[in-house]
Amino acid sequence: MDISGYQIPNLNNAPLSETAALAREIACAFGEPHRVGMYVAAVRRMGGPAEARRHYREICADGARDCAKVFMWRSRKNR
């Protein structure tokens, strides 16, 4: 699952932070565009966009059945 080809509109035309932009991309790629706030929190818990992007790529490369669940599990503090 490659997120580079997705066209995600900025709904309010405000500039997004790197964290919010990545969270929006991931949420739309997982089919949950209405849960962007949850993914922003997950990206922050992971330590930032670079770490979250690495986890996202690993999850997709492994071919997990439910990528969203694995992503959220990896964002937990005490796993």
Protein backbone atom coordinates (compact mmCIF):
# COMPACT_ATOMS: atom_id res chain seq x y z
CA MET A 1 0.00 0.00 0.00
CA ASP A 2 1.76 3.12 -1.24
CA ILE A 3 0.40 6.46 -0.05
CA SER A 4 2.43 8.59 -2.43
CA GLY A 5 -0.24 8.48 -5.17
CA TYR A 6 -3.14 9.67 -3.02
CA GLN A 7 -4.52 13.16 -3.61
CA ILE A 8 -5.69 14.42 -0.22
CA PRO A 9 -7.27 17.86 -0.31
CA ASN A 10 -6.61 20.37 2.43
CA LEU A 11 -10.22 21.00 3.41
CA ASN A 12 -9.76 24.29 5.20
CA ASN A 13 -6.87 25.60 3.04
CA ALA A 14 -4.73 26.18 6.12
CA PRO A 15 -1.11 25.01 6.09
CA LEU A 16 -0.70 21.70 7.89
CA SER A 17 2.15 20.71 10.14
CA GLU A 18 4.18 17.71 9.04
CA THR A 19 2.55 15.64 11.78
CA ALA A 20 -0.99 16.58 10.71
CA ALA A 21 -0.23 16.04 7.03
CA LEU A 22 1.17 12.56 7.68
CA ALA A 23 -1.76 11.70 9.95
CA ARG A 24 -4.21 12.75 7.23
CA GLU A 25 -2.36 10.64 4.63
CA ILE A 26 -2.33 7.58 6.89
CA ALA A 27 -5.97 7.98 7.92
CA CYS A 28 -7.09 8.20 4.29
CA ALA A 29 -4.88 5.28 3.27
CA PHE A 30 -6.48 3.16 6.01
CA GLY A 31 -9.95 4.24 4.89
CA GLU A 32 -10.68 6.30 8.01
CA PRO A 33 -10.50 9.97 6.94
CA HIS A 34 -12.81 11.02 9.79
CA ARG A 35 -10.29 9.83 12.41
CA VAL A 36 -7.41 12.17 11.60
CA GLY A 37 -7.20 13.42 15.19
CA MET A 38 -6.66 9.91 16.48
CA TYR A 39 -3.81 9.41 14.03
CA VAL A 40 -2.25 12.78 14.96
CA ALA A 41 -2.08 11.57 18.56
CA ALA A 42 -0.61 8.23 17.45
CA VAL A 43 2.08 9.95 15.36
CA ARG A 44 3.01 12.14 18.35
CA ARG A 45 3.16 9.12 20.68
CA MET A 46 5.51 7.38 18.25
CA GLY A 47 7.97 10.24 18.51
CA GLY A 48 7.22 12.25 15.40
CA PRO A 49 6.58 11.92 11.68
CA ALA A 50 9.86 10.18 10.80
CA GLU A 51 9.32 7.36 13.28
CA ALA A 52 5.63 7.02 12.39
CA ARG A 53 6.43 6.88 8.67
CA ARG A 54 8.96 4.10 9.36
CA HIS A 55 6.36 2.09 11.29
CA TYR A 56 3.79 2.67 8.55
CA ARG A 57 6.15 1.37 5.85
CA GLU A 58 7.05 -1.71 7.91
CA ILE A 59 3.39 -2.53 8.54
CA CYS A 60 2.47 -2.24 4.87
CA ALA A 61 5.52 -4.22 3.77
CA ASP A 62 4.63 -7.05 6.17
CA GLY A 63 1.17 -7.32 4.63
CA ALA A 64 -0.84 -7.13 7.84
CA ARG A 65 -4.56 -7.88 7.50
CA ASP A 66 -5.62 -4.88 9.58
CA CYS A 67 -2.92 -2.25 9.14
CA ALA A 68 -4.78 0.34 11.21
CA LYS A 69 -4.92 -1.92 14.28
CA VAL A 70 -1.22 -2.75 14.03
CA PHE A 71 -0.34 0.94 13.60
CA MET A 72 -2.32 1.90 16.70
CA TRP A 73 -0.83 -1.01 18.66
CA ARG A 74 2.68 0.15 17.77
CA SER A 75 1.85 3.67 18.96
CA ARG A 76 1.06 2.47 22.50
CA LYS A 77 3.55 3.56 25.14
CA ASN A 78 3.81 0.31 27.09
CA ARG A 79 3.79 -2.45 24.50
